PDB file of N, CA and C in Angstrom:
ATOM      1  N   UNK A   1      -0.680  18.801  -9.799  1.00  0.00           N
ATOM      2  CA  UNK A   1       0.027  17.565 -10.060  1.00  0.00           C
ATOM      3  C   UNK A   1      -0.964  16.408  -9.945  1.00  0.00           C
ATOM      4  N   UNK A   2      -1.108  15.642 -11.013  1.00  0.00           N
ATOM      5  CA  UNK A   2      -2.010  14.493 -11.019  1.00  0.00           C
ATOM      6  C   UNK A   2      -1.197  13.215 -10.838  1.00  0.00           C
ATOM      7  N   UNK A   3      -1.592  12.412  -9.828  1.00  0.00           N
ATOM      8  CA  UNK A   3      -0.915  11.147  -9.549  1.00  0.00           C
ATOM      9  C   UNK A   3      -1.829  10.014  -9.992  1.00  0.00           C
ATOM     10  N   UNK A   4      -1.307   9.143 -10.835  1.00  0.00           N
ATOM     11  CA  UNK A   4      -2.054   7.971 -11.297  1.00  0.00           C
ATOM     12  C   UNK A   4      -1.353   6.725 -10.772  1.00  0.00           C
ATOM     13  N   UNK A   5      -2.128   5.859 -10.120  1.00  0.00           N
ATOM     14  CA  UNK A   5      -1.578   4.627  -9.555  1.00  0.00           C
ATOM     15  C   UNK A   5      -2.135   3.444 -10.319  1.00  0.00           C
ATOM     16  N   UNK A   6      -1.248   2.530 -10.680  1.00  0.00           N
ATOM     17  CA  UNK A   6      -1.674   1.307 -11.366  1.00  0.00           C
ATOM     18  C   UNK A   6      -1.096   0.094 -10.645  1.00  0.00           C
ATOM     19  N   UNK A   7      -1.811  -1.003 -10.775  1.00  0.00           N
ATOM     20  CA  UNK A   7      -1.372  -2.265 -10.175  1.00  0.00           C
ATOM     21  C   UNK A   7      -0.513  -2.990 -11.198  1.00  0.00           C
ATOM     22  N   UNK A   8       0.655  -3.424 -10.776  1.00  0.00           N
ATOM     23  CA  UNK A   8       1.574  -4.185 -11.634  1.00  0.00           C
ATOM     24  C   UNK A   8       1.794  -5.553 -10.981  1.00  0.00           C
ATOM     25  N   UNK A   9       0.810  -6.455 -11.084  1.00  0.00           N
ATOM     26  CA  UNK A   9       0.916  -7.736 -10.379  1.00  0.00           C
ATOM     27  C   UNK A   9       2.115  -8.575 -10.809  1.00  0.00           C
ATOM     28  N   UNK A  10       2.573  -8.411 -12.035  1.00  0.00           N
ATOM     29  CA  UNK A  10       3.741  -9.158 -12.498  1.00  0.00           C
ATOM     30  C   UNK A  10       5.013  -8.755 -11.746  1.00  0.00           C
ATOM     31  N   UNK A  11       4.990  -7.556 -11.143  1.00  0.00           N
ATOM     32  CA  UNK A  11       6.115  -7.071 -10.344  1.00  0.00           C
ATOM     33  C   UNK A  11       5.790  -7.058  -8.849  1.00  0.00           C
ATOM     34  N   UNK A  12       4.573  -7.491  -8.505  1.00  0.00           N
ATOM     35  CA  UNK A  12       4.095  -7.512  -7.112  1.00  0.00           C
ATOM     36  C   UNK A  12       4.230  -6.138  -6.468  1.00  0.00           C
ATOM     37  N   UNK A  13       3.682  -5.145  -7.175  1.00  0.00           N
ATOM     38  CA  UNK A  13       3.736  -3.792  -6.643  1.00  0.00           C
ATOM     39  C   UNK A  13       2.687  -2.900  -7.304  1.00  0.00           C
ATOM     40  N   UNK A  14       2.465  -1.770  -6.660  1.00  0.00           N
ATOM     41  CA  UNK A  14       1.675  -0.685  -7.231  1.00  0.00           C
ATOM     42  C   UNK A  14       2.671   0.376  -7.669  1.00  0.00           C
ATOM     43  N   UNK A  15       2.372   1.020  -8.791  1.00  0.00           N
ATOM     44  CA  UNK A  15       3.273   2.027  -9.340  1.00  0.00           C
ATOM     45  C   UNK A  15       2.530   3.350  -9.501  1.00  0.00           C
ATOM     46  N   UNK A  16       3.194   4.422  -9.131  1.00  0.00           N
ATOM     47  CA  UNK A  16       2.618   5.764  -9.273  1.00  0.00           C
ATOM     48  C   UNK A  16       3.385   6.527 -10.338  1.00  0.00           C
ATOM     49  N   UNK A  17       2.630   7.204 -11.168  1.00  0.00           N
ATOM     50  CA  UNK A  17       3.206   8.091 -12.175  1.00  0.00           C
ATOM     51  C   UNK A  17       2.549   9.455 -12.018  1.00  0.00           C
ATOM     52  N   UNK A  18       3.284  10.498 -12.376  1.00  0.00           N
ATOM     53  CA  UNK A  18       2.820  11.864 -12.176  1.00  0.00           C
ATOM     54  C   UNK A  18       2.636  12.552 -13.520  1.00  0.00           C
ATOM     55  N   UNK A  19       1.487  13.206 -13.661  1.00  0.00           N
ATOM     56  CA  UNK A  19       1.182  14.021 -14.843  1.00  0.00           C
ATOM     57  C   UNK A  19       1.398  13.274 -16.155  1.00  0.00           C
ATOM     58  N   UNK A  20       1.091  11.983 -16.182  1.00  0.00           N
ATOM     59  CA  UNK A  20       1.187  11.195 -17.411  1.00  0.00           C
ATOM     60  C   UNK A  20       2.589  10.854 -17.860  1.00  0.00           C
ATOM     61  N   UNK A  21       3.579  11.171 -17.039  1.00  0.00           N
ATOM     62  CA  UNK A  21       4.959  10.854 -17.408  1.00  0.00           C
ATOM     63  C   UNK A  21       5.177   9.340 -17.347  1.00  0.00           C
ATOM     64  N   UNK A  22       6.033   8.800 -18.227  1.00  0.00           N
ATOM     65  CA  UNK A  22       6.263   7.354 -18.237  1.00  0.00           C
ATOM     66  C   UNK A  22       7.107   6.862 -17.059  1.00  0.00           C
ATOM     67  N   UNK A  23       7.928   7.719 -16.474  1.00  0.00           N
ATOM     68  CA  UNK A  23       8.794   7.306 -15.368  1.00  0.00           C
ATOM     69  C   UNK A  23       7.967   7.036 -14.113  1.00  0.00           C
ATOM     70  N   UNK A  24       8.354   6.022 -13.374  1.00  0.00           N
ATOM     71  CA  UNK A  24       7.681   5.681 -12.128  1.00  0.00           C
ATOM     72  C   UNK A  24       8.146   6.651 -11.047  1.00  0.00           C
ATOM     73  N   UNK A  25       7.177   7.294 -10.370  1.00  0.00           N
ATOM     74  CA  UNK A  25       7.484   8.255  -9.314  1.00  0.00           C
ATOM     75  C   UNK A  25       7.534   7.591  -7.945  1.00  0.00           C
ATOM     76  N   UNK A  26       6.898   6.421  -7.825  1.00  0.00           N
ATOM     77  CA  UNK A  26       6.889   5.717  -6.556  1.00  0.00           C
ATOM     78  C   UNK A  26       6.321   4.329  -6.709  1.00  0.00           C
ATOM     79  N   UNK A  27       6.673   3.448  -5.763  1.00  0.00           N
ATOM     80  CA  UNK A  27       6.173   2.069  -5.779  1.00  0.00           C
ATOM     81  C   UNK A  27       5.811   1.639  -4.364  1.00  0.00           C
ATOM     82  N   UNK A  28       4.849   0.728  -4.288  1.00  0.00           N
ATOM     83  CA  UNK A  28       4.490   0.057  -3.039  1.00  0.00           C
ATOM     84  C   UNK A  28       4.540  -1.439  -3.329  1.00  0.00           C
ATOM     85  N   UNK A  29       5.517  -2.119  -2.753  1.00  0.00           N
ATOM     86  CA  UNK A  29       5.715  -3.549  -2.999  1.00  0.00           C
ATOM     87  C   UNK A  29       4.953  -4.363  -1.964  1.00  0.00           C
ATOM     88  N   UNK A  30       4.497  -5.542  -2.385  1.00  0.00           N
ATOM     89  CA  UNK A  30       3.691  -6.370  -1.494  1.00  0.00           C
ATOM     90  C   UNK A  30       3.958  -7.852  -1.716  1.00  0.00           C
ATOM     91  N   UNK A  31       3.501  -8.639  -0.738  1.00  0.00           N
ATOM     92  CA  UNK A  31       3.424 -10.093  -0.831  1.00  0.00           C
ATOM     93  C   UNK A  31       1.959 -10.432  -0.585  1.00  0.00           C
ATOM     94  N   UNK A  32       1.375 -11.249  -1.448  1.00  0.00           N
ATOM     95  CA  UNK A  32      -0.058 -11.517  -1.352  1.00  0.00           C
ATOM     96  C   UNK A  32      -0.349 -13.004  -1.271  1.00  0.00           C
ATOM     97  N   UNK A  33      -1.296 -13.360  -0.408  1.00  0.00           N
ATOM     98  CA  UNK A  33      -1.837 -14.709  -0.348  1.00  0.00           C
ATOM     99  C   UNK A  33      -3.321 -14.608  -0.678  1.00  0.00           C
ATOM    100  N   UNK A  34      -4.035 -15.698  -0.548  1.00  0.00           N
ATOM    101  CA  UNK A  34      -5.471 -15.667  -0.837  1.00  0.00           C
ATOM    102  C   UNK A  34      -6.266 -14.892   0.206  1.00  0.00           C
ATOM    103  N   UNK A  35      -5.693 -14.707   1.406  1.00  0.00           N
ATOM    104  CA  UNK A  35      -6.411 -14.028   2.485  1.00  0.00           C
ATOM    105  C   UNK A  35      -5.770 -12.726   2.951  1.00  0.00           C
ATOM    106  N   UNK A  36      -4.519 -12.499   2.556  1.00  0.00           N
ATOM    107  CA  UNK A  36      -3.741 -11.429   3.160  1.00  0.00           C
ATOM    108  C   UNK A  36      -2.841 -10.764   2.124  1.00  0.00           C
ATOM    109  N   UNK A  37      -2.662  -9.460   2.286  1.00  0.00           N
ATOM    110  CA  UNK A  37      -1.651  -8.745   1.511  1.00  0.00           C
ATOM    111  C   UNK A  37      -0.750  -8.019   2.510  1.00  0.00           C
ATOM    112  N   UNK A  38       0.552  -8.269   2.394  1.00  0.00           N
ATOM    113  CA  UNK A  38       1.533  -7.629   3.264  1.00  0.00           C
ATOM    114  C   UNK A  38       2.266  -6.571   2.450  1.00  0.00           C
ATOM    115  N   UNK A  39       2.161  -5.333   2.880  1.00  0.00           N
ATOM    116  CA  UNK A  39       2.888  -4.248   2.220  1.00  0.00           C
ATOM    117  C   UNK A  39       4.255  -4.152   2.883  1.00  0.00           C
ATOM    118  N   UNK A  40       5.296  -4.424   2.100  1.00  0.00           N
ATOM    119  CA  UNK A  40       6.630  -4.603   2.659  1.00  0.00           C
ATOM    120  C   UNK A  40       7.605  -3.457   2.372  1.00  0.00           C
ATOM    121  N   UNK A  41       7.329  -2.666   1.350  1.00  0.00           N
ATOM    122  CA  UNK A  41       8.266  -1.584   1.024  1.00  0.00           C
ATOM    123  C   UNK A  41       7.567  -0.539   0.170  1.00  0.00           C
ATOM    124  N   UNK A  42       7.759   0.708   0.531  1.00  0.00           N
ATOM    125  CA  UNK A  42       7.247   1.826  -0.264  1.00  0.00           C
ATOM    126  C   UNK A  42       8.409   2.777  -0.506  1.00  0.00           C
ATOM    127  N   UNK A  43       8.516   3.219  -1.751  1.00  0.00           N
ATOM    128  CA  UNK A  43       9.593   4.144  -2.100  1.00  0.00           C
ATOM    129  C   UNK A  43       9.057   5.188  -3.073  1.00  0.00           C
ATOM    130  N   UNK A  44       9.375   6.445  -2.794  1.00  0.00           N
ATOM    131  CA  UNK A  44       8.990   7.561  -3.658  1.00  0.00           C
ATOM    132  C   UNK A  44      10.276   8.259  -4.095  1.00  0.00           C
ATOM    133  N   UNK A  45      10.368   8.568  -5.379  1.00  0.00           N
ATOM    134  CA  UNK A  45      11.541   9.282  -5.900  1.00  0.00           C
ATOM    135  C   UNK A  45      11.697  10.602  -5.145  1.00  0.00           C
ATOM    136  N   UNK A  46      12.929  10.969  -4.826  1.00  0.00           N
ATOM    137  CA  UNK A  46      13.169  12.176  -4.015  1.00  0.00           C
ATOM    138  C   UNK A  46      12.461  13.436  -4.530  1.00  0.00           C
ATOM    139  N   UNK A  47      12.404  13.602  -5.831  1.00  0.00           N
ATOM    140  CA  UNK A  47      11.777  14.815  -6.371  1.00  0.00           C
ATOM    141  C   UNK A  47      10.262  14.856  -6.166  1.00  0.00           C
ATOM    142  N   UNK A  48       9.655  13.726  -5.756  1.00  0.00           N
ATOM    143  CA  UNK A  48       8.207  13.678  -5.524  1.00  0.00           C
ATOM    144  C   UNK A  48       7.842  13.511  -4.058  1.00  0.00           C
ATOM    145  N   UNK A  49       8.823  13.431  -3.178  1.00  0.00           N
ATOM    146  CA  UNK A  49       8.531  13.270  -1.756  1.00  0.00           C
ATOM    147  C   UNK A  49       7.740  14.463  -1.238  1.00  0.00           C
ATOM    148  N   UNK A  50       6.773  14.176  -0.371  1.00  0.00           N
ATOM    149  CA  UNK A  50       5.962  15.231   0.226  1.00  0.00           C
ATOM    150  C   UNK A  50       4.920  15.828  -0.693  1.00  0.00           C
ATOM    151  N   UNK A  51       4.659  15.165  -1.828  1.00  0.00           N
ATOM    152  CA  UNK A  51       3.713  15.719  -2.811  1.00  0.00           C
ATOM    153  C   UNK A  51       2.509  14.813  -3.027  1.00  0.00           C
ATOM    154  N   UNK A  52       2.282  13.846  -2.115  1.00  0.00           N
ATOM    155  CA  UNK A  52       1.081  13.028  -2.178  1.00  0.00           C
ATOM    156  C   UNK A  52       1.212  11.725  -2.934  1.00  0.00           C
ATOM    157  N   UNK A  53       2.397  11.418  -3.437  1.00  0.00           N
ATOM    158  CA  UNK A  53       2.582  10.184  -4.204  1.00  0.00           C
ATOM    159  C   UNK A  53       2.423   8.965  -3.297  1.00  0.00           C
ATOM    160  N   UNK A  54       3.055   8.987  -2.129  1.00  0.00           N
ATOM    161  CA  UNK A  54       2.932   7.870  -1.198  1.00  0.00           C
ATOM    162  C   UNK A  54       1.504   7.671  -0.737  1.00  0.00           C
ATOM    163  N   UNK A  55       0.807   8.757  -0.461  1.00  0.00           N
ATOM    164  CA  UNK A  55      -0.596   8.664  -0.043  1.00  0.00           C
ATOM    165  C   UNK A  55      -1.463   8.070  -1.140  1.00  0.00           C
ATOM    166  N   UNK A  56      -1.211   8.459  -2.382  1.00  0.00           N
ATOM    167  CA  UNK A  56      -1.970   7.904  -3.505  1.00  0.00           C
ATOM    168  C   UNK A  56      -1.716   6.403  -3.633  1.00  0.00           C
ATOM    169  N   UNK A  57      -0.464   5.991  -3.457  1.00  0.00           N
ATOM    170  CA  UNK A  57      -0.145   4.562  -3.497  1.00  0.00           C
ATOM    171  C   UNK A  57      -0.884   3.817  -2.399  1.00  0.00           C
ATOM    172  N   UNK A  58      -0.819   4.335  -1.173  1.00  0.00           N
ATOM    173  CA  UNK A  58      -1.464   3.666  -0.042  1.00  0.00           C
ATOM    174  C   UNK A  58      -2.973   3.578  -0.237  1.00  0.00           C
ATOM    175  N   UNK A  59      -3.590   4.671  -0.593  1.00  0.00           N
ATOM    176  CA  UNK A  59      -5.051   4.689  -0.738  1.00  0.00           C
ATOM    177  C   UNK A  59      -5.507   3.703  -1.827  1.00  0.00           C
ATOM    178  N   UNK A  60      -4.859   3.718  -2.967  1.00  0.00           N
ATOM    179  CA  UNK A  60      -5.248   2.812  -4.058  1.00  0.00           C
ATOM    180  C   UNK A  60      -5.048   1.357  -3.656  1.00  0.00           C
ATOM    181  N   UNK A  61      -3.877   1.047  -3.085  1.00  0.00           N
ATOM    182  CA  UNK A  61      -3.583  -0.333  -2.693  1.00  0.00           C
ATOM    183  C   UNK A  61      -4.552  -0.825  -1.630  1.00  0.00           C
ATOM    184  N   UNK A  62      -4.860   0.018  -0.659  1.00  0.00           N
ATOM    185  CA  UNK A  62      -5.772  -0.384   0.410  1.00  0.00           C
ATOM    186  C   UNK A  62      -7.210  -0.494  -0.078  1.00  0.00           C
ATOM    187  N   UNK A  63      -7.613   0.396  -0.974  1.00  0.00           N
ATOM    188  CA  UNK A  63      -8.960   0.283  -1.557  1.00  0.00           C
ATOM    189  C   UNK A  63      -9.101  -1.022  -2.330  1.00  0.00           C
ATOM    190  N   UNK A  64      -8.053  -1.415  -3.049  1.00  0.00           N
ATOM    191  CA  UNK A  64      -8.102  -2.677  -3.797  1.00  0.00           C
ATOM    192  C   UNK A  64      -8.079  -3.874  -2.855  1.00  0.00           C
ATOM    193  N   UNK A  65      -7.351  -3.778  -1.750  1.00  0.00           N
ATOM    194  CA  UNK A  65      -7.366  -4.856  -0.753  1.00  0.00           C
ATOM    195  C   UNK A  65      -8.767  -5.012  -0.179  1.00  0.00           C
ATOM    196  N   UNK A  66      -9.426  -3.902   0.120  1.00  0.00           N
ATOM    197  CA  UNK A  66     -10.788  -3.955   0.639  1.00  0.00           C
ATOM    198  C   UNK A  66     -11.726  -4.594  -0.382  1.00  0.00           C
ATOM    199  N   UNK A  67     -11.611  -4.190  -1.634  1.00  0.00           N
ATOM    200  CA  UNK A  67     -12.482  -4.728  -2.687  1.00  0.00           C
ATOM    201  C   UNK A  67     -12.281  -6.237  -2.871  1.00  0.00           C
ATOM    202  N   UNK A  68     -11.052  -6.718  -2.635  1.00  0.00           N
ATOM    203  CA  UNK A  68     -10.746  -8.146  -2.772  1.00  0.00           C
ATOM    204  C   UNK A  68     -10.973  -8.905  -1.466  1.00  0.00           C
ATOM    205  N   UNK A  69     -11.470  -8.220  -0.432  1.00  0.00           N
ATOM    206  CA  UNK A  69     -11.735  -8.818   0.875  1.00  0.00           C
ATOM    207  C   UNK A  69     -10.478  -9.426   1.492  1.00  0.00           C
ATOM    208  N   UNK A  70      -9.362  -8.684   1.393  1.00  0.00           N
ATOM    209  CA  UNK A  70      -8.089  -9.132   1.954  1.00  0.00           C
ATOM    210  C   UNK A  70      -7.785  -8.382   3.248  1.00  0.00           C
ATOM    211  N   UNK A  71      -7.194  -9.059   4.196  1.00  0.00           N
ATOM    212  CA  UNK A  71      -6.644  -8.416   5.388  1.00  0.00           C
ATOM    213  C   UNK A  71      -5.297  -7.813   5.004  1.00  0.00           C
ATOM    214  N   UNK A  72      -4.853  -6.831   5.749  1.00  0.00           N
ATOM    215  CA  UNK A  72      -3.624  -6.106   5.442  1.00  0.00           C
ATOM    216  C   UNK A  72      -2.636  -6.240   6.595  1.00  0.00           C
ATOM    217  N   UNK A  73      -1.413  -6.586   6.243  1.00  0.00           N
ATOM    218  CA  UNK A  73      -0.301  -6.590   7.189  1.00  0.00           C
ATOM    219  C   UNK A  73       0.652  -5.495   6.731  1.00  0.00           C
ATOM    220  N   UNK A  74       0.775  -4.455   7.531  1.00  0.00           N
ATOM    221  CA  UNK A  74       1.587  -3.293   7.153  1.00  0.00           C
ATOM    222  C   UNK A  74       2.961  -3.400   7.798  1.00  0.00           C
ATOM    223  N   UNK A  75       3.854  -4.167   7.182  1.00  0.00           N
ATOM    224  CA  UNK A  75       5.218  -4.265   7.702  1.00  0.00           C
ATOM    225  C   UNK A  75       6.065  -3.080   7.261  1.00  0.00           C
ATOM    226  N   UNK A  76       5.661  -2.417   6.221  1.00  0.00           N
ATOM    227  CA  UNK A  76       6.333  -1.207   5.752  1.00  0.00           C
ATOM    228  C   UNK A  76       5.996  -0.057   6.705  1.00  0.00           C
ATOM    229  N   UNK A  77       6.999   0.629   7.234  1.00  0.00           N
ATOM    230  CA  UNK A  77       6.724   1.738   8.160  1.00  0.00           C
ATOM    231  C   UNK A  77       5.841   2.830   7.566  1.00  0.00           C
ATOM    232  N   UNK A  78       5.982   3.097   6.265  1.00  0.00           N
ATOM    233  CA  UNK A  78       5.136   4.123   5.653  1.00  0.00           C
ATOM    234  C   UNK A  78       3.674   3.705   5.702  1.00  0.00           C
ATOM    235  N   UNK A  79       3.369   2.463   5.302  1.00  0.00           N
ATOM    236  CA  UNK A  79       1.979   1.990   5.319  1.00  0.00           C
ATOM    237  C   UNK A  79       1.437   1.948   6.737  1.00  0.00           C
ATOM    238  N   UNK A  80       2.228   1.480   7.687  1.00  0.00           N
ATOM    239  CA  UNK A  80       1.777   1.416   9.081  1.00  0.00           C
ATOM    240  C   UNK A  80       1.422   2.809   9.592  1.00  0.00           C
ATOM    241  N   UNK A  81       2.276   3.777   9.324  1.00  0.00           N
ATOM    242  CA  UNK A  81       2.013   5.144   9.760  1.00  0.00           C
ATOM    243  C   UNK A  81       0.823   5.764   9.053  1.00  0.00           C
ATOM    244  N   UNK A  82       0.698   5.487   7.761  1.00  0.00           N
ATOM    245  CA  UNK A  82      -0.405   6.049   6.982  1.00  0.00           C
ATOM    246  C   UNK A  82      -1.739   5.511   7.489  1.00  0.00           C
ATOM    247  N   UNK A  83      -1.798   4.206   7.738  1.00  0.00           N
ATOM    248  CA  UNK A  83      -3.036   3.610   8.255  1.00  0.00           C
ATOM    249  C   UNK A  83      -3.352   4.161   9.644  1.00  0.00           C
ATOM    250  N   UNK A  84      -2.346   4.350  10.471  1.00  0.00           N
ATOM    251  CA  UNK A  84      -2.565   4.907  11.809  1.00  0.00           C
ATOM    252  C   UNK A  84      -3.187   6.305  11.728  1.00  0.00           C
ATOM    253  N   UNK A  85      -2.861   7.065  10.691  1.00  0.00           N
ATOM    254  CA  UNK A  85      -3.404   8.419  10.516  1.00  0.00           C
ATOM    255  C   UNK A  85      -4.739   8.438   9.772  1.00  0.00           C
ATOM    256  N   UNK A  86      -5.164   7.288   9.253  1.00  0.00           N
ATOM    257  CA  UNK A  86      -6.416   7.212   8.493  1.00  0.00           C
ATOM    258  C   UNK A  86      -7.274   6.082   9.066  1.00  0.00           C
ATOM    259  N   UNK A  87      -8.039   6.390  10.113  1.00  0.00           N
ATOM    260  CA  UNK A  87      -8.797   5.343  10.809  1.00  0.00           C
ATOM    261  C   UNK A  87      -9.806   4.612   9.931  1.00  0.00           C
ATOM    262  N   UNK A  88     -10.192   5.200   8.823  1.00  0.00           N
ATOM    263  CA  UNK A  88     -11.148   4.528   7.939  1.00  0.00           C
ATOM    264  C   UNK A  88     -10.561   3.277   7.288  1.00  0.00           C
ATOM    265  N   UNK A  89      -9.254   3.066   7.416  1.00  0.00           N
ATOM    266  CA  UNK A  89      -8.606   1.875   6.857  1.00  0.00           C
ATOM    267  C   UNK A  89      -8.153   0.884   7.932  1.00  0.00           C
ATOM    268  N   UNK A  90      -8.297   1.233   9.198  1.00  0.00           N
ATOM    269  CA  UNK A  90      -7.797   0.378  10.263  1.00  0.00           C
ATOM    270  C   UNK A  90      -8.535  -0.951  10.372  1.00  0.00           C
ATOM    271  N   UNK A  91      -9.763  -1.017   9.875  1.00  0.00           N
ATOM    272  CA  UNK A  91     -10.501  -2.286   9.916  1.00  0.00           C
ATOM    273  C   UNK A  91      -9.890  -3.338   8.992  1.00  0.00           C
ATOM    274  N   UNK A  92      -9.018  -2.925   8.082  1.00  0.00           N
ATOM    275  CA  UNK A  92      -8.362  -3.873   7.169  1.00  0.00           C
ATOM    276  C   UNK A  92      -7.205  -4.617   7.815  1.00  0.00           C
ATOM    277  N   UNK A  93      -6.689  -4.095   8.921  1.00  0.00           N
ATOM    278  CA  UNK A  93      -5.482  -4.651   9.511  1.00  0.00           C
ATOM    279  C   UNK A  93      -5.662  -6.095   9.975  1.00  0.00           C
ATOM    280  N   UNK A  94      -4.676  -6.885   9.675  1.00  0.00           N
ATOM    281  CA  UNK A  94      -4.658  -8.294  10.053  1.00  0.00           C
ATOM    282  C   UNK A  94      -4.516  -8.411  11.568  1.00  0.00           C
ATOM    283  N   UNK A  95      -5.324  -9.285  12.141  1.00  0.00           N
ATOM    284  CA  UNK A  95      -5.237  -9.587  13.566  1.00  0.00           C
ATOM    285  C   UNK A  95      -4.946 -11.073  13.705  1.00  0.00           C
ATOM    286  N   UNK A  96      -3.867 -11.408  14.361  1.00  0.00           N
ATOM    287  CA  UNK A  96      -3.508 -12.813  14.560  1.00  0.00           C
ATOM    288  C   UNK A  96      -4.598 -13.500  15.389  1.00  0.00           C
ATOM    289  N   UNK A  97      -4.987 -14.679  14.966  1.00  0.00           N
ATOM    290  CA  UNK A  97      -6.015 -15.431  15.674  1.00  0.00           C
ATOM    291  C   UNK A  97      -5.418 -16.554  16.509  1.00  0.00           C
ATOM    292  N   UNK A  98      -4.121 -16.703  16.438  1.00  0.00           N
ATOM    293  CA  UNK A  98      -3.493 -17.779  17.213  1.00  0.00           C
ATOM    294  C   UNK A  98      -3.363 -17.354  18.674  1.00  0.00           C
ATOM    295  N   UNK A  99      -3.470 -18.310  19.547  1.00  0.00           N
ATOM    296  CA  UNK A  99      -3.348 -18.059  20.978  1.00  0.00           C
ATOM    297  C   UNK A  99      -2.314 -19.010  21.557  1.00  0.00           C
ATOM    298  N   UNK A 100      -1.606 -18.505  22.508  1.00  0.00           N
ATOM    299  CA  UNK A 100      -0.643 -19.336  23.214  1.00  0.00           C
ATOM    300  C   UNK A 100      -1.316 -19.847  24.475  1.00  0.00           C
ATOM    301  N   UNK A 101      -1.322 -21.153  24.647  1.00  0.00           N
ATOM    302  CA  UNK A 101      -1.942 -21.707  25.843  1.00  0.00           C
ATOM    303  C   UNK A 101      -0.872 -22.002  26.886  1.00  0.00           C
ATOM    304  N   UNK A 102      -1.282 -21.922  28.133  1.00  0.00           N
ATOM    305  CA  UNK A 102      -0.338 -22.165  29.247  1.00  0.00           C
ATOM    306  C   UNK A 102      -0.118 -23.638  29.478  1.00  0.00           C
TER     307      UNK A 102
END
């Protein structure tokens, strides 16, 4: 099974298709600023769950965030869990720089 991921900026998401089929097998939705990309929702069609579609979405989206020098905020539980299992992407995670003073 070949998974192809493309960026659909007009829809603010990444889309995965399987074996050249036109139907979308999964999406990773985001909100992007000039410094940060927040991944807010990931969904994979039931017939493709557990077959690497979500991982392909995460890897492609995170590789593109790295290439664009963006920090990542993983509010989506799938992205948060995926990054936790792949330490090579943990350096992308956004760290708040604000401090509360007493």
